[in-house]
Protein backbone atom coordinates (compact mmCIF):
# COMPACT_ATOMS: atom_id res chain seq x y z
CA GLU A 1 104.70 72.62 99.70
CA LEU A 2 107.30 72.92 102.41
CA THR A 3 105.17 71.07 104.96
CA GLN A 4 104.67 68.13 102.58
CA GLN A 5 108.20 66.90 103.30
CA PHE A 6 107.08 66.01 106.83
CA ILE A 7 104.15 63.85 105.65
CA PRO A 8 104.97 60.22 104.84
CA GLY A 9 104.50 59.47 101.15
CA ARG A 10 104.63 63.14 100.12
CA CYS A 11 107.56 65.17 98.84
CA CYS A 12 108.42 68.81 98.34
CA ASP A 13 109.11 69.58 94.68
CA ILE A 14 110.50 72.88 93.42
CA TRP A 15 108.21 72.73 90.36
CA ASP A 16 105.13 72.39 92.57
CA MET A 17 106.29 75.39 94.56
CA ALA A 18 106.83 77.36 91.34
CA ALA A 19 103.35 76.40 90.13
CA ASP A 20 101.87 77.57 93.46
CA CYS A 21 103.63 80.93 93.12
CA VAL A 22 102.51 81.38 89.51
CA GLY A 23 98.94 80.52 90.52
CA ALA A 24 99.04 83.04 93.35
CA LEU A 25 100.36 85.76 91.03
CA ILE A 26 97.66 85.02 88.46
CA GLY A 27 95.02 85.17 91.20
CA ILE A 28 96.31 88.52 92.44
CA GLY A 29 96.38 89.83 88.87
CA VAL A 30 92.79 88.76 88.22
CA TYR A 31 91.69 90.35 91.50
CA LEU A 32 93.35 93.66 90.61
CA ILE A 33 91.86 93.70 87.10
CA VAL A 34 88.34 92.90 88.36
CA ARG A 35 88.60 95.46 91.15
CA GLN A 36 89.78 98.17 88.74
CA THR A 37 86.94 97.32 86.37
CA VAL A 38 84.33 97.42 89.15
CA VAL A 39 85.64 100.76 90.49
CA GLN A 40 85.03 102.35 87.09
CA PHE A 41 81.27 102.08 87.64
CA GLU A 42 79.28 104.04 90.23
CA PHE A 43 77.69 100.85 91.59
CA GLY A 44 81.15 99.36 92.12
CA ARG A 45 82.44 102.39 94.00
CA THR A 46 79.34 102.37 96.22
CA PHE A 47 79.64 98.63 96.83
CA ILE A 48 83.33 98.83 97.75
CA ALA A 49 82.81 101.87 99.99
CA ARG A 50 79.96 100.16 101.83
CA PHE A 51 81.80 96.91 102.54
CA SER A 52 85.33 98.28 103.09
CA ARG A 53 84.64 99.69 106.53
């Protein structure tokens, strides 16, 4: 959002920035919930251990 102010015809709006932050927080929340759910199963723990190195 901050870089949009330097592009002709675009503007930086506080509400767009707030929406970006809310979207990022929702994405992080979904990631954490899915990861916690996957870790509860043996396959998930094996998968994460294999690809976390």
